[in-house]
Amino acid sequence: MESVDVIVVGAGIAGLTTARTLLQKDPSLKILVLEGKDRVGGRTLTVNVQTANHTTDKFDMGGQWVGRTQKELLALLDELKIELYDQYETGRKLAQMGNEKIRSYTASLPIFAAGTFSLYEVFDFLCNVFKMNRMSNKINLLDAFSWEGAAAADEQSVASYARSVSYTRSARDALDISIRAIYGAEAKRMSLLYHLLYCKSGGSFMDLTEITGNGAQAFRIKGGSQQISLKMAEALGDRVRLRTAVKHIETSEGGPTRVTVANGDKLECKRLVLAIPPNQCGKLEFSPPLGYMKRRLYDNMTPGHLIKFVVTYQSSFWRAEGRSGEIISAGRTSVPGEVLAVVCSFDATTCNGSPAIVGFIHAELHDWTASERCNAVVKDLVRFLGTKALSEFIAYEEKNWNTEPFNGGCPVDYVTPGNMDAFMSIRDMHYGVHFAGTETAVVWMGYMSGAIESGKRAANEVLYALELRDKVDHKYLNGSQFSVEYHHPHPPSDHYTDSPSPWRRRIFFTTAVLFGIYAVSKKYDLSYTARVFRPVEKSVFKWWTGMEWPH
């Protein structure tokens, strides 16, 4: 049986960051990175697509964008000498929401565009964003249920919340489209508390949706995002083993952890790091079994089901026509059951000048063939961008992450209503097993920057557990059970509280009112009806006029 110090499962950004950090801290450590796929990169994937002038160029079919506040990602890109360039966003944007009409606007979000949308629609959306940000700001990222409104938020979906606070279809559509684009999920299937926590993790709801300011879509990576993993894997050399899927994990308190891979081989290590999506953790066999909360978590974290597309063109005709290439669409029409293809799109023209549009497809088209989806996407782009979206068409490429082995979906696993108490255990260790992956991050959870943070946390947990305390960077233990500030998150509570009986107050108040009515009636010798209503009449008269009741 082969024995090493540390085994990392998963050769995405999180897993490779874990291995890289451990070797930077202690080059003598024996480390293996096991990956079930035939490639590194996890939920990042860069492919060559045919472009103008009979050439090809690189396009990202997975994680792609970089935000200004994603410090871990920006630092790693700088270390790896990978350059960025701005996401193009100049010109008019297009939206179909609230009704079938296509509306153009120049604001950062369509619903802010007074004139394009009614003031009532704009006000409705602004109120919704304000309420959502106010709730999100109250959440402790490490202890969600310390907020008194957390239990109620976890009991409802994002969609049910939107229906309860929105008065216009446009505002509801805006939130639905955002949820589909950010998570690859339907708002009706997601815990509101998870969404609020996710917003807080990235800064705010607006930061998740925008290009400008601190928006998550501010920059793109020259040459594609998969090169982050490729460069880290190259430095790790033969420590990375592809096509090596893990099936069984046997661990214990203080003892070694044994891993059985798909071909039956067994490996042994002192510490194990699982840097794979939560839904994939749930498919592994553990001995002893995972605790109840961990099992419930993995049973109820669902992967997003995004289908990402790239369409290349002869020219960036939308730019020449004063458009940015940005589209958001509810995809709904007046025909019952009809769903059009495009959820949202962006200008994907590369740093080399290859014109393209990138976007996401509605989940209802999952069972269509790639050819059928291609036709539907191009037809929908014609609806927004005009006939040149067909006449200048060169090539179509898509990635259906739902069919990707060892992923099950993209871009992130989300929590269904009623299960956020289990989510708070996502970083908890299981004997000698540590957990990384972007879903376990505290800041920019669900993004490449979050994956890097999670990998560094897991690496420092391993160093701590291996008694290499002088090499531990404690700032990366935020949220870890090894942190000196760690406390177990509050569970949701529905306990009884002792309170004095209200009947004493009720009896006293009723007696006082009846005595007052009786005293007034005796003084003025009123009828029984007048005895009851005269004090009320006096109070209302004084409140309305500011004068005393005439005697």
Protein backbone atom coordinates (compact mmCIF):
# COMPACT_ATOMS: atom_id res chain seq x y z
CA MET A 1 0.00 0.00 0.00
CA GLU A 2 1.40 3.38 -1.06
CA SER A 3 1.69 5.81 1.84
CA VAL A 4 2.02 9.62 1.72
CA ASP A 5 1.54 12.55 4.07
CA VAL A 6 -1.42 14.19 2.37
CA ILE A 7 -3.88 13.16 -0.33
CA VAL A 8 -5.96 15.83 -2.07
CA VAL A 9 -9.02 14.65 -3.99
CA GLY A 10 -9.90 16.97 -6.87
CA ALA A 11 -7.60 18.80 -9.29
CA GLY A 12 -9.67 21.95 -9.66
CA ILE A 13 -8.53 25.33 -8.42
CA ALA A 14 -9.30 24.48 -4.76
CA GLY A 15 -7.47 21.15 -4.72
CA LEU A 16 -4.43 22.37 -6.61
CA THR A 17 -4.23 25.46 -4.37
CA THR A 18 -4.24 23.16 -1.34
CA ALA A 19 -1.35 21.07 -2.67
CA ARG A 20 0.57 24.13 -3.85
CA THR A 21 0.21 25.90 -0.50
CA LEU A 22 1.36 22.81 1.44
CA LEU A 23 4.47 22.46 -0.68
CA GLN A 24 5.25 26.16 -0.36
CA LYS A 25 5.07 25.82 3.42
CA ASP A 26 6.95 22.52 3.64
CA PRO A 27 8.56 21.13 0.44
CA SER A 28 9.39 17.88 2.24
CA LEU A 29 5.73 16.81 2.46
CA LYS A 30 4.72 13.85 0.32
CA ILE A 31 1.52 14.87 -1.48
CA LEU A 32 -0.75 13.24 -4.05
CA VAL A 33 -3.58 14.93 -5.96
CA LEU A 34 -6.16 12.47 -7.28
CA GLU A 35 -8.52 13.49 -10.09
CA GLY A 36 -11.26 11.33 -11.58
CA LYS A 37 -11.37 13.22 -14.89
CA ASP A 38 -8.82 13.11 -17.66
CA ARG A 39 -8.02 16.80 -17.16
CA VAL A 40 -7.38 19.38 -14.43
CA GLY A 41 -9.45 22.50 -13.91
CA GLY A 42 -12.66 21.29 -12.26
CA ARG A 43 -15.41 23.74 -13.17
CA THR A 44 -13.10 25.77 -15.41
CA LEU A 45 -12.65 24.66 -19.00
CA THR A 46 -11.07 26.55 -21.91
CA VAL A 47 -11.66 25.31 -25.46
CA ASN A 48 -10.70 26.34 -28.98
CA VAL A 49 -13.57 27.59 -31.15
CA GLN A 50 -13.54 28.51 -34.83
CA THR A 51 -13.48 32.30 -35.30
CA ALA A 52 -13.30 34.87 -38.09
CA ASN A 53 -10.65 34.71 -40.82
CA HIS A 54 -10.47 30.89 -40.61
CA THR A 55 -8.69 30.93 -37.25
CA THR A 56 -9.46 29.59 -33.78
CA ASP A 57 -9.38 31.27 -30.39
CA LYS A 58 -9.74 30.26 -26.75
CA PHE A 59 -13.05 30.64 -24.94
CA ASP A 60 -14.08 29.73 -21.39
CA MET A 61 -16.94 27.27 -21.05
CA GLY A 62 -16.88 27.31 -17.24
CA GLY A 63 -15.76 29.85 -14.63
CA GLN A 64 -14.66 32.95 -16.48
CA TRP A 65 -14.94 36.37 -14.85
CA VAL A 66 -12.86 38.18 -12.22
CA GLY A 67 -14.07 40.94 -9.88
CA ARG A 68 -12.10 43.80 -8.38
CA THR A 69 -12.67 42.62 -4.79
CA GLN A 70 -11.73 38.98 -5.45
CA LYS A 71 -8.38 39.44 -3.75
CA GLU A 72 -7.32 35.79 -3.56
CA LEU A 73 -7.85 35.28 -7.28
CA LEU A 74 -6.14 38.53 -8.24
CA ALA A 75 -3.13 37.62 -6.09
CA LEU A 76 -2.83 34.14 -7.62
CA LEU A 77 -3.12 35.50 -11.16
CA ASP A 78 -0.31 37.90 -10.36
CA GLU A 79 1.85 35.06 -8.99
CA LEU A 80 1.21 32.94 -12.08
CA LYS A 81 1.81 35.95 -14.38
CA ILE A 82 -1.61 35.65 -15.99
CA GLU A 83 -3.03 38.89 -17.42
CA LEU A 84 -6.55 40.33 -17.35
CA TYR A 85 -8.55 42.54 -19.68
CA ASP A 86 -11.79 44.45 -19.23
CA GLN A 87 -15.18 42.94 -19.92
CA TYR A 88 -16.73 45.04 -22.70
CA GLU A 89 -19.88 46.84 -21.54
CA THR A 90 -20.15 50.00 -23.64
CA GLY A 91 -23.44 50.69 -25.41
CA ARG A 92 -27.12 49.92 -25.03
CA LYS A 93 -28.21 46.73 -23.31
CA LEU A 94 -31.32 44.68 -24.04
CA ALA A 95 -33.90 43.11 -21.76
CA GLN A 96 -37.11 41.11 -22.07
CA MET A 97 -38.86 41.05 -18.72
CA GLY A 98 -42.27 41.95 -17.37
CA ASN A 99 -43.81 41.25 -20.77
CA GLU A 100 -42.78 40.09 -24.24
CA LYS A 101 -41.49 43.51 -25.28
CA ILE A 102 -37.72 43.92 -25.81
CA ARG A 103 -36.50 47.06 -24.10
CA SER A 104 -33.10 48.76 -24.40
CA TYR A 105 -31.34 50.70 -21.66
CA THR A 106 -27.96 52.07 -20.61
CA ALA A 107 -28.20 51.78 -16.81
CA SER A 108 -26.17 49.13 -14.98
CA LEU A 109 -29.36 47.13 -14.52
CA PRO A 110 -32.47 47.41 -16.74
CA ILE A 111 -34.86 47.99 -13.92
CA PHE A 112 -32.99 51.20 -13.03
CA ALA A 113 -33.76 52.63 -16.48
CA ALA A 114 -36.59 55.08 -15.85
CA GLY A 115 -38.25 55.78 -19.18
CA THR A 116 -37.63 52.25 -20.42
CA PHE A 117 -39.44 50.91 -17.37
CA SER A 118 -42.20 52.68 -15.52
CA LEU A 119 -41.37 54.55 -12.34
CA TYR A 120 -43.54 52.05 -10.50
CA GLU A 121 -41.43 49.14 -11.81
CA VAL A 122 -38.19 50.97 -10.95
CA PHE A 123 -39.43 51.82 -7.44
CA ASP A 124 -40.58 48.22 -6.88
CA PHE A 125 -37.20 46.79 -7.82
CA LEU A 126 -35.25 49.36 -5.80
CA CYS A 127 -37.34 48.54 -2.73
CA ASN A 128 -36.71 44.81 -3.22
CA VAL A 129 -32.94 45.29 -3.55
CA PHE A 130 -32.90 47.54 -0.49
CA LYS A 131 -34.81 44.97 1.59
CA MET A 132 -32.59 42.13 0.39
CA ASN A 133 -29.37 44.04 1.15
CA ARG A 134 -30.68 45.06 4.56
CA MET A 135 -31.37 41.42 5.47
CA SER A 136 -28.10 40.22 3.98
CA ASN A 137 -26.05 42.75 5.95
CA LYS A 138 -27.44 41.34 9.22
CA ILE A 139 -26.05 37.87 8.57
CA ASN A 140 -22.88 36.59 10.19
CA LEU A 141 -21.08 34.59 7.48
CA LEU A 142 -19.84 32.07 10.05
CA ASP A 143 -23.05 31.87 12.07
CA ALA A 144 -26.10 32.51 9.90
CA PHE A 145 -28.66 31.57 12.56
CA SER A 146 -27.40 34.18 14.99
CA TRP A 147 -29.64 36.57 12.99
CA GLU A 148 -33.14 36.42 14.42
CA GLY A 149 -34.74 36.33 10.97
CA ALA A 150 -32.63 33.41 9.72
CA ALA A 151 -35.03 30.56 10.53
CA ALA A 152 -37.92 32.29 8.75
CA ALA A 153 -35.71 33.06 5.73
CA ASP A 154 -34.61 29.42 5.50
CA GLU A 155 -38.22 28.25 5.51
CA GLN A 156 -39.04 30.06 2.28
CA SER A 157 -37.65 30.01 -1.23
CA VAL A 158 -36.28 33.03 -3.07
CA ALA A 159 -39.33 32.88 -5.36
CA SER A 160 -41.86 32.88 -2.52
CA TYR A 161 -40.04 35.85 -0.99
CA ALA A 162 -40.15 37.70 -4.32
CA ARG A 163 -43.91 37.12 -4.61
CA SER A 164 -44.45 38.43 -1.09
CA VAL A 165 -42.61 41.73 -1.62
CA SER A 166 -42.89 42.45 -5.37
CA TYR A 167 -45.83 44.22 -6.95
CA THR A 168 -44.70 44.02 -10.59
CA ARG A 169 -43.85 41.15 -12.90
CA SER A 170 -40.71 43.03 -13.99
CA ALA A 171 -39.24 42.99 -10.48
CA ARG A 172 -39.99 39.28 -10.07
CA ASP A 173 -38.51 38.50 -13.50
CA ALA A 174 -35.35 40.49 -12.68
CA LEU A 175 -34.74 38.39 -9.57
CA ASP A 176 -35.58 35.11 -11.35
CA ILE A 177 -33.14 35.88 -14.18
CA SER A 178 -30.41 36.83 -11.71
CA ILE A 179 -30.82 33.56 -9.80
CA ARG A 180 -30.64 31.51 -13.02
CA ALA A 181 -27.51 33.33 -14.17
CA ILE A 182 -25.68 33.32 -10.80
CA TYR A 183 -26.52 29.80 -9.61
CA GLY A 184 -27.89 27.96 -12.64
CA ALA A 185 -31.00 27.30 -10.55
CA GLU A 186 -34.64 28.25 -10.28
CA ALA A 187 -35.55 30.72 -7.54
CA LYS A 188 -38.36 28.47 -6.33
CA ARG A 189 -35.87 25.73 -5.37
CA MET A 190 -33.40 27.82 -3.36
CA SER A 191 -33.38 28.75 0.32
CA LEU A 192 -33.72 32.51 0.77
CA LEU A 193 -31.23 32.34 3.64
CA TYR A 194 -28.64 30.68 1.39
CA HIS A 195 -29.11 33.42 -1.21
CA LEU A 196 -28.70 36.15 1.43
CA LEU A 197 -25.54 34.47 2.77
CA TYR A 198 -24.17 34.14 -0.77
CA CYS A 199 -24.81 37.85 -1.41
CA LYS A 200 -23.04 38.79 1.82
CA SER A 201 -20.11 36.54 0.85
CA GLY A 202 -19.64 38.41 -2.43
CA GLY A 203 -20.36 41.87 -1.02
CA SER A 204 -23.95 42.49 -2.09
CA PHE A 205 -26.59 41.33 -4.54
CA MET A 206 -25.55 44.04 -6.98
CA ASP A 207 -21.90 42.92 -6.81
CA LEU A 208 -22.96 39.47 -8.03
CA THR A 209 -24.79 40.86 -11.06
CA GLU A 210 -22.79 43.84 -12.31
CA ILE A 211 -19.75 44.49 -14.50
CA THR A 212 -18.96 47.97 -13.20
CA GLY A 213 -17.64 48.86 -9.74
CA ASN A 214 -17.15 45.80 -7.56
CA GLY A 215 -19.14 43.62 -9.93
CA ALA A 216 -18.11 39.98 -10.32
CA GLN A 217 -17.96 40.30 -14.14
CA ALA A 218 -15.43 43.16 -14.33
CA PHE A 219 -12.52 41.34 -16.03
CA ARG A 220 -11.68 38.35 -18.19
CA ILE A 221 -8.51 36.26 -18.24
CA LYS A 222 -6.22 36.37 -21.27
CA GLY A 223 -5.94 32.84 -22.58
CA GLY A 224 -8.79 31.49 -20.44
CA SER A 225 -9.25 30.54 -16.79
CA GLN A 226 -8.28 26.85 -17.08
CA GLN A 227 -4.63 27.88 -17.37
CA ILE A 228 -4.73 28.70 -13.64
CA SER A 229 -5.08 24.98 -12.92
CA LEU A 230 -2.79 23.95 -15.76
CA LYS A 231 0.06 26.08 -14.43
CA MET A 232 -0.36 24.89 -10.85
CA ALA A 233 -0.56 21.26 -12.01
CA GLU A 234 2.55 21.67 -14.13
CA ALA A 235 4.48 22.83 -11.07
CA LEU A 236 3.21 19.84 -9.07
CA GLY A 237 4.36 17.42 -11.77
CA ASP A 238 3.71 13.70 -11.22
CA ARG A 239 2.05 14.39 -7.88
CA VAL A 240 -1.14 14.88 -9.91
CA ARG A 241 -2.79 11.65 -11.04
CA LEU A 242 -5.64 11.84 -13.53
CA ARG A 243 -8.33 9.20 -14.15
CA THR A 244 -8.05 8.17 -10.50
CA ALA A 245 -11.50 8.36 -8.98
CA VAL A 246 -11.93 7.80 -5.25
CA LYS A 247 -14.65 5.39 -4.13
CA HIS A 248 -14.14 4.63 -0.42
CA ILE A 249 -12.59 6.49 2.52
CA GLU A 250 -11.69 4.82 5.82
CA THR A 251 -10.59 7.13 8.60
CA SER A 252 -10.29 7.27 12.37
CA GLU A 253 -9.36 9.54 15.25
CA GLY A 254 -5.57 9.86 15.36
CA GLY A 255 -4.98 7.02 12.89
CA PRO A 256 -4.16 6.98 9.17
CA THR A 257 -6.78 7.54 6.49
CA ARG A 258 -7.07 4.92 3.76
CA VAL A 259 -8.42 5.66 0.31
CA THR A 260 -9.70 3.10 -2.19
CA VAL A 261 -9.77 4.22 -5.81
CA ALA A 262 -11.93 2.93 -8.67
CA ASN A 263 -9.50 0.25 -9.85
CA GLY A 264 -9.26 -1.22 -6.34
CA ASP A 265 -5.86 0.22 -5.42
CA LYS A 266 -5.48 1.46 -1.85
CA LEU A 267 -3.55 4.49 -0.64
CA GLU A 268 -2.76 5.65 2.88
CA CYS A 269 -2.18 9.15 4.22
CA LYS A 270 -2.01 11.11 7.46
CA ARG A 271 -4.55 13.71 6.30
CA LEU A 272 -7.03 13.78 3.42
CA VAL A 273 -8.55 16.85 1.73
CA LEU A 274 -11.75 16.55 -0.32
CA ALA A 275 -11.72 19.46 -2.77
CA ILE A 276 -14.72 18.36 -4.81
CA PRO A 277 -18.32 19.66 -5.04
CA PRO A 278 -20.60 18.76 -2.11
CA ASN A 279 -22.88 16.67 -4.34
CA GLN A 280 -19.86 14.55 -5.26
CA CYS A 281 -18.80 14.18 -1.60
CA GLY A 282 -22.22 12.64 -1.01
CA LYS A 283 -21.44 9.86 -3.52
CA LEU A 284 -18.38 8.61 -1.63
CA GLU A 285 -18.46 5.78 0.90
CA PHE A 286 -17.18 6.72 4.35
CA SER A 287 -16.15 4.43 7.18
CA PRO A 288 -17.17 5.40 9.79
CA PRO A 289 -20.15 7.15 8.16
CA LEU A 290 -20.40 10.92 8.01
CA GLY A 291 -22.34 12.60 10.80
CA TYR A 292 -26.03 13.32 10.38
CA MET A 293 -25.61 17.00 9.46
CA LYS A 294 -22.96 16.27 6.82
CA ARG A 295 -25.09 13.54 5.26
CA ARG A 296 -28.15 15.78 5.23
CA LEU A 297 -26.10 18.59 3.74
CA TYR A 298 -24.86 16.49 0.84
CA ASP A 299 -28.34 15.09 0.25
CA ASN A 300 -29.76 18.60 -0.03
CA MET A 301 -27.11 20.58 -1.89
CA THR A 302 -28.10 20.59 -5.53
CA PRO A 303 -25.74 21.51 -8.38
CA GLY A 304 -26.71 24.33 -10.70
CA HIS A 305 -27.61 23.19 -14.19
CA LEU A 306 -26.15 25.85 -16.44
CA ILE A 307 -25.61 25.26 -20.13
CA LYS A 308 -23.07 27.78 -21.35
CA PHE A 309 -22.76 28.73 -25.02
CA VAL A 310 -20.37 30.70 -27.22
CA VAL A 311 -21.35 31.93 -30.68
CA THR A 312 -18.60 33.38 -32.89
CA TYR A 313 -19.20 35.95 -35.64
CA GLN A 314 -17.49 37.60 -38.60
CA SER A 315 -17.59 40.98 -36.85
CA SER A 316 -18.69 42.58 -33.60
CA PHE A 317 -21.69 44.07 -35.41
CA TRP A 318 -23.50 44.82 -32.13
CA ARG A 319 -20.70 47.20 -31.14
CA ALA A 320 -20.97 49.03 -34.47
CA GLU A 321 -24.70 49.39 -33.83
CA GLY A 322 -24.14 50.87 -30.37
CA ARG A 323 -24.97 47.78 -28.31
CA SER A 324 -22.92 46.17 -25.56
CA GLY A 325 -23.90 42.58 -26.33
CA GLU A 326 -25.56 42.26 -22.90
CA ILE A 327 -28.96 40.58 -22.92
CA ILE A 328 -31.15 39.40 -20.08
CA SER A 329 -34.34 37.52 -20.79
CA ALA A 330 -37.10 35.83 -18.82
CA GLY A 331 -37.59 33.67 -21.91
CA ARG A 332 -41.33 33.55 -21.33
CA THR A 333 -43.98 34.52 -23.86
CA SER A 334 -47.77 34.68 -24.03
CA VAL A 335 -47.80 31.09 -25.27
CA PRO A 336 -48.36 28.77 -22.26
CA GLY A 337 -45.30 26.60 -21.60
CA GLU A 338 -43.08 28.26 -24.20
CA VAL A 339 -39.50 29.01 -23.09
CA LEU A 340 -37.02 30.80 -25.34
CA ALA A 341 -33.35 29.88 -25.18
CA VAL A 342 -31.23 32.73 -23.81
CA VAL A 343 -31.12 33.61 -20.10
CA CYS A 344 -28.40 36.23 -20.47
CA SER A 345 -25.43 37.04 -22.67
CA PHE A 346 -22.29 39.19 -22.78
CA ASP A 347 -19.81 40.37 -25.37
CA ALA A 348 -17.19 37.61 -25.55
CA THR A 349 -14.83 39.21 -28.06
CA THR A 350 -11.38 38.00 -27.04
CA CYS A 351 -8.24 39.99 -26.32
CA ASN A 352 -7.15 38.92 -29.82
CA GLY A 353 -10.20 40.61 -31.33
CA SER A 354 -12.19 37.47 -32.22
CA PRO A 355 -15.89 38.55 -32.17
CA ALA A 356 -18.24 36.39 -30.10
CA ILE A 357 -21.22 36.33 -27.75
CA VAL A 358 -21.24 34.19 -24.59
CA GLY A 359 -24.27 33.33 -22.53
CA PHE A 360 -26.42 30.81 -20.68
CA ILE A 361 -29.38 28.69 -21.77
CA HIS A 362 -32.61 28.03 -19.89
CA ALA A 363 -32.63 24.70 -18.05
CA GLU A 364 -35.86 23.65 -19.80
CA LEU A 365 -33.74 22.96 -22.91
CA HIS A 366 -31.55 20.34 -21.20
CA ASP A 367 -33.13 17.40 -23.00
CA TRP A 368 -32.76 18.99 -26.43
CA THR A 369 -29.89 17.98 -28.68
CA ALA A 370 -26.93 20.33 -29.11
CA SER A 371 -28.08 21.05 -32.67
CA GLU A 372 -31.57 21.98 -31.47
CA ARG A 373 -30.15 24.25 -28.79
CA CYS A 374 -27.85 25.89 -31.34
CA ASN A 375 -30.83 26.72 -33.57
CA ALA A 376 -32.81 28.01 -30.60
CA VAL A 377 -29.95 30.21 -29.35
CA VAL A 378 -29.23 31.77 -32.74
CA LYS A 379 -32.96 32.36 -33.31
CA ASP A 380 -33.22 34.07 -29.93
CA LEU A 381 -30.14 36.21 -30.61
CA VAL A 382 -31.77 37.32 -33.87
CA ARG A 383 -34.77 38.42 -31.81
CA PHE A 384 -32.51 40.75 -29.81
CA LEU A 385 -29.64 41.67 -32.16
CA GLY A 386 -31.24 41.48 -35.59
CA THR A 387 -30.62 39.38 -38.68
CA LYS A 388 -26.82 39.77 -38.53
CA ALA A 389 -26.89 37.36 -35.59
CA LEU A 390 -27.65 34.74 -38.27
CA SER A 391 -25.99 36.11 -41.41
CA GLU A 392 -22.59 36.62 -39.71
CA PHE A 393 -22.74 33.39 -37.70
CA ILE A 394 -19.56 31.26 -37.80
CA ALA A 395 -19.63 28.62 -35.06
CA TYR A 396 -21.50 27.49 -31.98
CA GLU A 397 -19.96 25.77 -28.94
CA GLU A 398 -21.71 24.74 -25.73
CA LYS A 399 -20.98 22.99 -22.44
CA ASN A 400 -23.77 21.14 -20.66
CA TRP A 401 -22.30 20.85 -17.17
CA ASN A 402 -25.12 18.60 -16.06
CA THR A 403 -23.47 15.76 -18.01
CA GLU A 404 -19.92 16.49 -16.82
CA PRO A 405 -18.53 13.51 -14.83
CA PHE A 406 -17.39 14.23 -11.27
CA ASN A 407 -19.21 17.57 -11.31
CA GLY A 408 -22.92 17.01 -11.89
CA GLY A 409 -23.51 20.68 -12.63
CA CYS A 410 -22.17 24.21 -12.61
CA PRO A 411 -21.39 26.85 -11.41
CA VAL A 412 -22.15 26.06 -7.75
CA ASP A 413 -24.10 23.71 -5.48
CA TYR A 414 -26.93 25.52 -3.70
CA VAL A 415 -29.05 24.76 -0.63
CA THR A 416 -32.74 23.94 -0.77
CA PRO A 417 -35.18 25.53 1.74
CA GLY A 418 -35.01 24.25 5.30
CA ASN A 419 -31.45 22.91 5.17
CA MET A 420 -29.22 25.82 6.08
CA ASP A 421 -28.63 24.40 9.55
CA ALA A 422 -26.85 21.50 7.83
CA PHE A 423 -24.93 23.93 5.59
CA MET A 424 -23.29 25.49 8.63
CA SER A 425 -21.33 22.23 9.04
CA ILE A 426 -19.83 22.41 5.54
CA ARG A 427 -16.29 23.16 6.77
CA ASP A 428 -16.38 20.73 9.72
CA MET A 429 -13.76 17.96 9.59
CA HIS A 430 -14.58 14.26 9.69
CA TYR A 431 -11.74 12.68 11.71
CA GLY A 432 -8.73 12.95 9.37
CA VAL A 433 -10.71 14.37 6.45
CA HIS A 434 -10.77 18.09 5.60
CA PHE A 435 -13.13 19.78 3.15
CA ALA A 436 -12.28 22.41 0.52
CA GLY A 437 -14.03 23.64 -2.61
CA THR A 438 -15.59 26.99 -3.43
CA GLU A 439 -18.84 26.16 -1.60
CA THR A 440 -16.85 25.99 1.66
CA ALA A 441 -15.37 29.48 1.29
CA VAL A 442 -16.31 32.40 3.52
CA VAL A 443 -15.59 35.21 1.03
CA TRP A 444 -16.71 34.98 -2.61
CA MET A 445 -18.26 31.58 -2.05
CA GLY A 446 -19.08 29.92 -5.37
CA TYR A 447 -16.40 31.77 -7.36
CA MET A 448 -12.80 31.02 -8.33
CA SER A 449 -11.57 33.38 -5.61
CA GLY A 450 -13.58 31.40 -3.05
CA ALA A 451 -12.02 28.17 -4.31
CA ILE A 452 -8.54 29.59 -3.69
CA GLU A 453 -9.47 30.76 -0.18
CA SER A 454 -10.90 27.33 0.66
CA GLY A 455 -7.76 25.59 -0.57
CA LYS A 456 -5.55 27.78 1.61
CA ARG A 457 -7.78 27.17 4.63
CA ALA A 458 -7.65 23.40 4.10
CA ALA A 459 -3.86 23.50 3.67
CA ASN A 460 -3.41 25.40 6.94
CA GLU A 461 -5.76 22.97 8.72
CA VAL A 462 -3.56 20.12 7.53
CA LEU A 463 -0.39 21.87 8.72
CA TYR A 464 -2.02 22.44 12.11
CA ALA A 465 -3.12 18.79 12.35
CA LEU A 466 0.38 17.58 11.36
CA GLU A 467 1.83 19.59 14.29
CA LEU A 468 3.61 22.00 11.91
CA ARG A 469 2.23 24.93 13.92
CA ASP A 470 5.08 27.32 13.06
CA LYS A 471 4.09 27.10 9.39
CA VAL A 472 0.39 27.85 9.91
CA ASP A 473 -0.98 31.15 8.59
CA HIS A 474 -3.81 31.73 11.06
CA LYS A 475 -5.63 34.29 8.94
CA TYR A 476 -6.62 31.44 6.64
CA LEU A 477 -8.18 29.45 9.48
CA ASN A 478 -11.21 31.77 9.46
CA GLY A 479 -14.22 29.48 9.76
CA SER A 480 -12.06 26.47 10.65
CA GLN A 481 -12.47 24.36 13.77
CA PHE A 482 -8.77 25.07 14.42
CA SER A 483 -9.33 28.82 14.58
CA VAL A 484 -8.76 30.36 18.02
CA GLU A 485 -11.97 32.34 17.48
CA TYR A 486 -14.02 29.34 16.43
CA HIS A 487 -17.38 28.74 18.05
CA HIS A 488 -19.99 26.29 16.94
CA PRO A 489 -22.69 28.08 14.91
CA HIS A 490 -26.06 28.63 16.56
CA PRO A 491 -28.63 26.03 15.53
CA PRO A 492 -32.06 27.30 14.50
CA SER A 493 -34.23 27.49 17.60
CA ASP A 494 -37.94 27.17 18.16
CA HIS A 495 -37.82 26.85 21.95
CA TYR A 496 -40.47 27.78 24.47
CA THR A 497 -39.90 30.84 26.65
CA ASP A 498 -41.39 31.45 30.07
CA SER A 499 -43.56 34.56 30.12
CA PRO A 500 -46.05 35.90 32.69
CA SER A 501 -49.72 35.28 32.02
CA PRO A 502 -51.32 38.16 30.05
CA TRP A 503 -54.63 37.76 31.86
CA ARG A 504 -53.67 39.99 34.80
CA ARG A 505 -53.06 42.90 32.44
CA ARG A 506 -56.18 42.14 30.44
CA ILE A 507 -58.44 42.02 33.52
CA PHE A 508 -56.94 45.25 34.91
CA PHE A 509 -57.34 47.12 31.62
CA THR A 510 -60.91 45.91 31.03
CA THR A 511 -61.93 46.83 34.60
CA ALA A 512 -60.46 50.31 34.24
CA VAL A 513 -62.28 50.92 30.95
CA LEU A 514 -65.63 49.73 32.32
CA PHE A 515 -65.25 51.84 35.47
CA GLY A 516 -64.46 54.90 33.35
CA ILE A 517 -67.51 54.41 31.16
CA TYR A 518 -69.71 53.94 34.23
CA ALA A 519 -68.35 57.12 35.88
CA VAL A 520 -68.98 59.24 32.75
CA SER A 521 -72.50 57.83 32.29
CA LYS A 522 -73.42 58.64 35.90
CA LYS A 523 -72.14 62.21 35.60
CA TYR A 524 -74.06 63.04 32.43
CA ASP A 525 -77.00 60.66 32.88
CA LEU A 526 -76.49 59.12 29.42
CA SER A 527 -78.24 56.25 27.70
CA TYR A 528 -76.50 52.90 27.69
CA THR A 529 -75.41 53.35 24.02
CA ALA A 530 -74.13 56.85 24.61
CA ARG A 531 -72.35 55.67 27.74
CA VAL A 532 -70.25 53.36 25.58
CA PHE A 533 -69.61 55.63 22.58
CA ARG A 534 -69.40 59.15 24.09
CA PRO A 535 -65.76 58.69 25.35
CA VAL A 536 -64.78 57.39 21.92
CA GLU A 537 -66.47 60.34 20.23
CA LYS A 538 -64.61 62.77 22.47
CA SER A 539 -61.25 61.18 21.75
CA VAL A 540 -61.79 61.13 17.98
CA PHE A 541 -63.05 64.75 17.99
CA LYS A 542 -60.00 65.98 19.87
CA TRP A 543 -57.59 64.02 17.66
CA TRP A 544 -59.21 65.33 14.48
CA THR A 545 -59.74 68.99 15.44
CA GLY A 546 -57.35 69.55 18.29
CA MET A 547 -60.23 70.98 20.37
CA GLU A 548 -62.10 69.68 23.40
CA TRP A 549 -65.57 68.14 23.03
CA PRO A 550 -68.18 70.93 23.59
CA HIS A 551 -70.06 70.70 26.89
